[in-house]
Amino acid sequence: MELIDLEKIAEREKINIVNCKMKKYKARIINYDNSCIFMDYSKVKTYTEEKCLLAEELGHYYYDAYYSLSASKGLIDKQEYRSLKWRSLALVPLQSILRCFKKRHI
């Protein structure tokens, strides 16, 4: 999946993507009435990094993997794992996964 596809998903889901300077993060999603993804584009160095960040934040949206900044480390880790799982499923083509699996088991 390409960046434009991820942006279309955000648009379809009515998720705004906003450029916002942040001290600690490169990207965050906030869920309040409607979700909004904040990206600090000054910290994003490559197309691939931007694509990965956007996919991860969409993963938070699709798996309802939100948390507050004061949440426990356990909850944060669980929600981050869920969003990274969605990112992987969205960005790695199934054929690539199957090819690797077949190579390993031949």
N, C-alpha and C. Protein backbone atom coordinates (compact mmCIF):
# COMPACT_ATOMS: atom_id res chain seq x y z
N MET A 1 0.85 -1.17 0.00
CA MET A 1 0.00 0.00 0.00
C MET A 1 0.90 1.24 0.00
N GLU A 2 0.50 2.21 -0.75
CA GLU A 2 1.29 3.43 -0.88
C GLU A 2 0.72 4.53 0.02
N LEU A 3 1.49 5.59 0.20
CA LEU A 3 1.09 6.71 1.05
C LEU A 3 -0.23 7.31 0.60
N ILE A 4 -0.41 7.46 -0.69
CA ILE A 4 -1.66 8.04 -1.22
C ILE A 4 -2.86 7.18 -0.83
N ASP A 5 -2.67 5.85 -0.79
CA ASP A 5 -3.76 4.95 -0.39
C ASP A 5 -4.11 5.16 1.08
N LEU A 6 -3.09 5.33 1.91
CA LEU A 6 -3.33 5.58 3.34
C LEU A 6 -4.03 6.92 3.54
N GLU A 7 -3.63 7.92 2.77
CA GLU A 7 -4.27 9.23 2.87
C GLU A 7 -5.73 9.14 2.44
N LYS A 8 -6.03 8.33 1.43
CA LYS A 8 -7.42 8.14 0.99
C LYS A 8 -8.24 7.43 2.05
N ILE A 9 -7.62 6.48 2.75
CA ILE A 9 -8.31 5.81 3.85
C ILE A 9 -8.67 6.83 4.93
N ALA A 10 -7.71 7.66 5.29
CA ALA A 10 -7.97 8.69 6.31
C ALA A 10 -9.09 9.62 5.86
N GLU A 11 -9.05 10.01 4.61
CA GLU A 11 -10.10 10.89 4.08
C GLU A 11 -11.46 10.21 4.12
N ARG A 12 -11.51 8.95 3.69
CA ARG A 12 -12.77 8.19 3.70
C ARG A 12 -13.34 8.06 5.11
N GLU A 13 -12.45 7.90 6.10
CA GLU A 13 -12.87 7.75 7.49
C GLU A 13 -13.06 9.10 8.19
N LYS A 14 -12.87 10.18 7.42
CA LYS A 14 -13.01 11.55 7.95
C LYS A 14 -12.02 11.83 9.09
N ILE A 15 -10.79 11.34 8.90
CA ILE A 15 -9.70 11.60 9.84
C ILE A 15 -8.82 12.68 9.24
N ASN A 16 -8.74 13.81 9.90
CA ASN A 16 -7.88 14.89 9.43
C ASN A 16 -6.43 14.56 9.73
N ILE A 17 -5.54 14.91 8.80
CA ILE A 17 -4.10 14.79 9.01
C ILE A 17 -3.55 16.21 9.06
N VAL A 18 -2.96 16.54 10.21
CA VAL A 18 -2.54 17.92 10.46
C VAL A 18 -1.04 17.96 10.75
N ASN A 19 -0.35 18.89 10.11
CA ASN A 19 1.06 19.11 10.40
C ASN A 19 1.15 19.90 11.71
N CYS A 20 1.87 19.35 12.69
CA CYS A 20 1.92 19.96 14.01
C CYS A 20 3.28 19.69 14.65
N LYS A 21 3.96 20.73 15.07
CA LYS A 21 5.24 20.56 15.78
C LYS A 21 4.98 19.90 17.13
N MET A 22 5.77 18.88 17.43
CA MET A 22 5.66 18.19 18.72
C MET A 22 7.06 18.01 19.29
N LYS A 23 7.17 18.10 20.59
CA LYS A 23 8.48 17.96 21.23
C LYS A 23 8.97 16.52 21.20
N LYS A 24 8.08 15.58 21.54
CA LYS A 24 8.50 14.21 21.77
C LYS A 24 8.15 13.24 20.64
N TYR A 25 7.08 13.50 19.92
CA TYR A 25 6.55 12.52 18.97
C TYR A 25 6.69 13.00 17.52
N LYS A 26 6.65 12.02 16.61
CA LYS A 26 6.59 12.34 15.19
C LYS A 26 5.15 12.29 14.70
N ALA A 27 4.34 11.44 15.35
CA ALA A 27 2.93 11.30 14.95
C ALA A 27 2.11 10.85 16.16
N ARG A 28 0.88 11.34 16.21
CA ARG A 28 -0.06 10.96 17.27
C ARG A 28 -1.45 11.01 16.69
N ILE A 29 -2.32 10.15 17.18
CA ILE A 29 -3.73 10.23 16.82
C ILE A 29 -4.52 10.58 18.08
N ILE A 30 -5.44 11.48 17.93
CA ILE A 30 -6.30 11.90 19.02
C ILE A 30 -7.73 11.54 18.63
N ASN A 31 -8.44 10.91 19.54
CA ASN A 31 -9.83 10.54 19.29
C ASN A 31 -10.73 11.40 20.17
N TYR A 32 -11.34 12.39 19.55
CA TYR A 32 -12.27 13.27 20.25
C TYR A 32 -13.31 13.68 19.23
N ASP A 33 -14.56 13.31 19.41
CA ASP A 33 -15.61 13.46 18.40
C ASP A 33 -15.19 12.75 17.11
N ASN A 34 -14.26 13.34 16.37
CA ASN A 34 -13.66 12.70 15.20
C ASN A 34 -12.18 12.52 15.49
N SER A 35 -11.59 11.52 14.87
CA SER A 35 -10.15 11.31 15.06
C SER A 35 -9.37 12.30 14.22
N CYS A 36 -8.18 12.64 14.71
CA CYS A 36 -7.28 13.54 14.01
C CYS A 36 -5.86 13.02 14.20
N ILE A 37 -5.12 12.92 13.10
CA ILE A 37 -3.73 12.49 13.17
C ILE A 37 -2.85 13.73 13.05
N PHE A 38 -1.98 13.89 14.03
CA PHE A 38 -1.01 14.98 14.01
C PHE A 38 0.33 14.40 13.59
N MET A 39 0.94 15.01 12.58
CA MET A 39 2.25 14.57 12.08
C MET A 39 3.20 15.76 12.18
N ASP A 40 4.36 15.53 12.75
CA ASP A 40 5.40 16.56 12.78
C ASP A 40 6.32 16.30 11.59
N TYR A 41 5.97 16.89 10.45
CA TYR A 41 6.69 16.62 9.21
C TYR A 41 8.15 17.09 9.26
N SER A 42 8.46 17.98 10.19
CA SER A 42 9.86 18.42 10.30
C SER A 42 10.75 17.31 10.84
N LYS A 43 10.16 16.30 11.47
CA LYS A 43 10.92 15.18 12.01
C LYS A 43 10.90 13.95 11.10
N VAL A 44 10.03 13.96 10.10
CA VAL A 44 9.89 12.82 9.19
C VAL A 44 10.89 12.98 8.06
N LYS A 45 11.79 12.02 7.91
CA LYS A 45 12.91 12.17 6.97
C LYS A 45 12.70 11.51 5.61
N THR A 46 11.87 10.46 5.55
CA THR A 46 11.73 9.73 4.28
C THR A 46 10.26 9.42 3.99
N TYR A 47 10.02 9.10 2.74
CA TYR A 47 8.70 8.65 2.30
C TYR A 47 8.27 7.41 3.08
N THR A 48 9.18 6.47 3.23
CA THR A 48 8.87 5.22 3.92
C THR A 48 8.52 5.49 5.38
N GLU A 49 9.26 6.37 6.01
CA GLU A 49 8.97 6.70 7.41
C GLU A 49 7.59 7.34 7.53
N GLU A 50 7.26 8.24 6.63
CA GLU A 50 5.95 8.88 6.65
C GLU A 50 4.84 7.85 6.47
N LYS A 51 5.05 6.93 5.53
CA LYS A 51 4.07 5.88 5.28
C LYS A 51 3.88 4.99 6.51
N CYS A 52 4.97 4.62 7.15
CA CYS A 52 4.90 3.77 8.35
C CYS A 52 4.21 4.48 9.50
N LEU A 53 4.52 5.75 9.69
CA LEU A 53 3.90 6.52 10.77
C LEU A 53 2.40 6.65 10.55
N LEU A 54 2.00 6.98 9.32
CA LEU A 54 0.58 7.14 9.03
C LEU A 54 -0.15 5.80 9.19
N ALA A 55 0.44 4.72 8.72
CA ALA A 55 -0.19 3.41 8.85
C ALA A 55 -0.34 3.02 10.31
N GLU A 56 0.67 3.31 11.12
CA GLU A 56 0.58 2.98 12.55
C GLU A 56 -0.55 3.77 13.22
N GLU A 57 -0.66 5.05 12.90
CA GLU A 57 -1.73 5.85 13.51
C GLU A 57 -3.10 5.38 13.03
N LEU A 58 -3.22 4.97 11.78
CA LEU A 58 -4.48 4.39 11.30
C LEU A 58 -4.76 3.07 12.02
N GLY A 59 -3.71 2.34 12.37
CA GLY A 59 -3.88 1.12 13.15
C GLY A 59 -4.51 1.39 14.51
N HIS A 60 -4.12 2.50 15.13
CA HIS A 60 -4.76 2.88 16.39
C HIS A 60 -6.26 3.09 16.17
N TYR A 61 -6.59 3.73 15.06
CA TYR A 61 -8.00 4.01 14.74
C TYR A 61 -8.76 2.71 14.49
N TYR A 62 -8.26 1.87 13.61
CA TYR A 62 -8.99 0.67 13.22
C TYR A 62 -9.10 -0.38 14.33
N TYR A 63 -8.11 -0.46 15.18
CA TYR A 63 -8.17 -1.43 16.28
C TYR A 63 -8.62 -0.78 17.59
N ASP A 64 -9.11 0.46 17.50
CA ASP A 64 -9.56 1.18 18.68
C ASP A 64 -8.50 1.09 19.78
N ALA A 65 -7.25 1.31 19.38
CA ALA A 65 -6.09 1.13 20.26
C ALA A 65 -5.60 2.48 20.78
N TYR A 66 -6.53 3.22 21.37
CA TYR A 66 -6.19 4.52 21.92
C TYR A 66 -5.75 4.36 23.38
N TYR A 67 -5.02 5.33 23.86
CA TYR A 67 -4.66 5.37 25.28
C TYR A 67 -4.30 6.81 25.66
N SER A 68 -4.40 7.10 26.93
CA SER A 68 -4.01 8.43 27.40
C SER A 68 -2.52 8.43 27.71
N LEU A 69 -1.94 9.58 27.74
CA LEU A 69 -0.50 9.67 28.02
C LEU A 69 -0.18 9.24 29.45
N SER A 70 -1.18 9.20 30.31
CA SER A 70 -0.95 8.77 31.69
C SER A 70 -1.28 7.28 31.89
N ALA A 71 -1.54 6.56 30.82
CA ALA A 71 -1.88 5.13 30.92
C ALA A 71 -0.67 4.33 31.40
N SER A 72 -0.96 3.13 31.90
CA SER A 72 0.11 2.25 32.37
C SER A 72 0.96 1.78 31.20
N LYS A 73 2.20 1.43 31.48
CA LYS A 73 3.10 0.93 30.43
C LYS A 73 2.52 -0.31 29.77
N GLY A 74 1.89 -1.17 30.57
CA GLY A 74 1.28 -2.39 30.02
C GLY A 74 0.21 -2.09 28.99
N LEU A 75 -0.65 -1.13 29.29
CA LEU A 75 -1.71 -0.76 28.34
C LEU A 75 -1.12 -0.12 27.10
N ILE A 76 -0.16 0.78 27.30
CA ILE A 76 0.48 1.44 26.15
C ILE A 76 1.13 0.40 25.24
N ASP A 77 1.87 -0.55 25.82
CA ASP A 77 2.52 -1.59 25.02
C ASP A 77 1.50 -2.42 24.26
N LYS A 78 0.39 -2.77 24.90
CA LYS A 78 -0.67 -3.55 24.25
C LYS A 78 -1.27 -2.79 23.06
N GLN A 79 -1.57 -1.51 23.27
CA GLN A 79 -2.18 -0.72 22.20
C GLN A 79 -1.19 -0.45 21.07
N GLU A 80 0.07 -0.24 21.40
CA GLU A 80 1.08 -0.05 20.36
C GLU A 80 1.26 -1.33 19.54
N TYR A 81 1.26 -2.48 20.19
CA TYR A 81 1.37 -3.76 19.49
C TYR A 81 0.22 -3.91 18.50
N ARG A 82 -0.99 -3.59 18.94
CA ARG A 82 -2.16 -3.71 18.06
C ARG A 82 -2.03 -2.80 16.85
N SER A 83 -1.60 -1.56 17.06
CA SER A 83 -1.50 -0.63 15.93
C SER A 83 -0.37 -1.05 14.97
N LEU A 84 0.72 -1.57 15.51
CA LEU A 84 1.82 -2.04 14.66
C LEU A 84 1.40 -3.28 13.85
N LYS A 85 0.54 -4.09 14.43
CA LYS A 85 0.02 -5.26 13.70
C LYS A 85 -0.79 -4.79 12.48
N TRP A 86 -1.64 -3.79 12.67
CA TRP A 86 -2.42 -3.27 11.54
C TRP A 86 -1.50 -2.69 10.49
N ARG A 87 -0.48 -1.94 10.94
CA ARG A 87 0.49 -1.36 9.99
C ARG A 87 1.14 -2.44 9.15
N SER A 88 1.58 -3.51 9.79
CA SER A 88 2.24 -4.60 9.06
C SER A 88 1.31 -5.24 8.06
N LEU A 89 0.08 -5.50 8.48
CA LEU A 89 -0.89 -6.12 7.57
C LEU A 89 -1.22 -5.21 6.40
N ALA A 90 -1.23 -3.91 6.63
CA ALA A 90 -1.56 -2.96 5.57
C ALA A 90 -0.40 -2.74 4.60
N LEU A 91 0.82 -2.75 5.11
CA LEU A 91 1.97 -2.36 4.28
C LEU A 91 2.72 -3.52 3.64
N VAL A 92 2.64 -4.70 4.21
CA VAL A 92 3.38 -5.84 3.65
C VAL A 92 2.40 -6.66 2.81
N PRO A 93 2.63 -6.74 1.51
CA PRO A 93 1.71 -7.49 0.64
C PRO A 93 1.66 -8.97 1.03
N LEU A 94 0.46 -9.53 1.00
CA LEU A 94 0.27 -10.93 1.36
C LEU A 94 1.16 -11.85 0.53
N GLN A 95 1.34 -11.54 -0.75
CA GLN A 95 2.18 -12.38 -1.61
C GLN A 95 3.62 -12.42 -1.10
N SER A 96 4.11 -11.32 -0.56
CA SER A 96 5.47 -11.29 -0.01
C SER A 96 5.57 -12.19 1.21
N ILE A 97 4.57 -12.16 2.04
CA ILE A 97 4.56 -13.01 3.23
C ILE A 97 4.53 -14.47 2.82
N LEU A 98 3.67 -14.80 1.87
CA LEU A 98 3.56 -16.20 1.42
C LEU A 98 4.85 -16.67 0.76
N ARG A 99 5.49 -15.80 -0.03
CA ARG A 99 6.76 -16.15 -0.67
C ARG A 99 7.83 -16.47 0.38
N CYS A 100 7.91 -15.65 1.41
CA CYS A 100 8.89 -15.89 2.48
C CYS A 100 8.58 -17.19 3.21
N PHE A 101 7.33 -17.44 3.46
CA PHE A 101 6.92 -18.65 4.16
C PHE A 101 7.30 -19.89 3.33
N LYS A 102 7.01 -19.84 2.03
CA LYS A 102 7.32 -20.97 1.16
C LYS A 102 8.81 -21.21 1.08
N LYS A 103 9.61 -20.15 0.96
CA LYS A 103 11.07 -20.29 0.92
C LYS A 103 11.58 -21.00 2.16
N ARG A 104 11.05 -20.62 3.28
CA ARG A 104 11.51 -21.16 4.56
C ARG A 104 11.13 -22.63 4.73
N HIS A 105 10.05 -23.03 4.12
CA HIS A 105 9.54 -24.40 4.33
C HIS A 105 9.73 -25.31 3.12
N ILE A 106 10.66 -24.99 2.25
CA ILE A 106 10.92 -25.85 1.10
C ILE A 106 11.98 -26.86 1.45
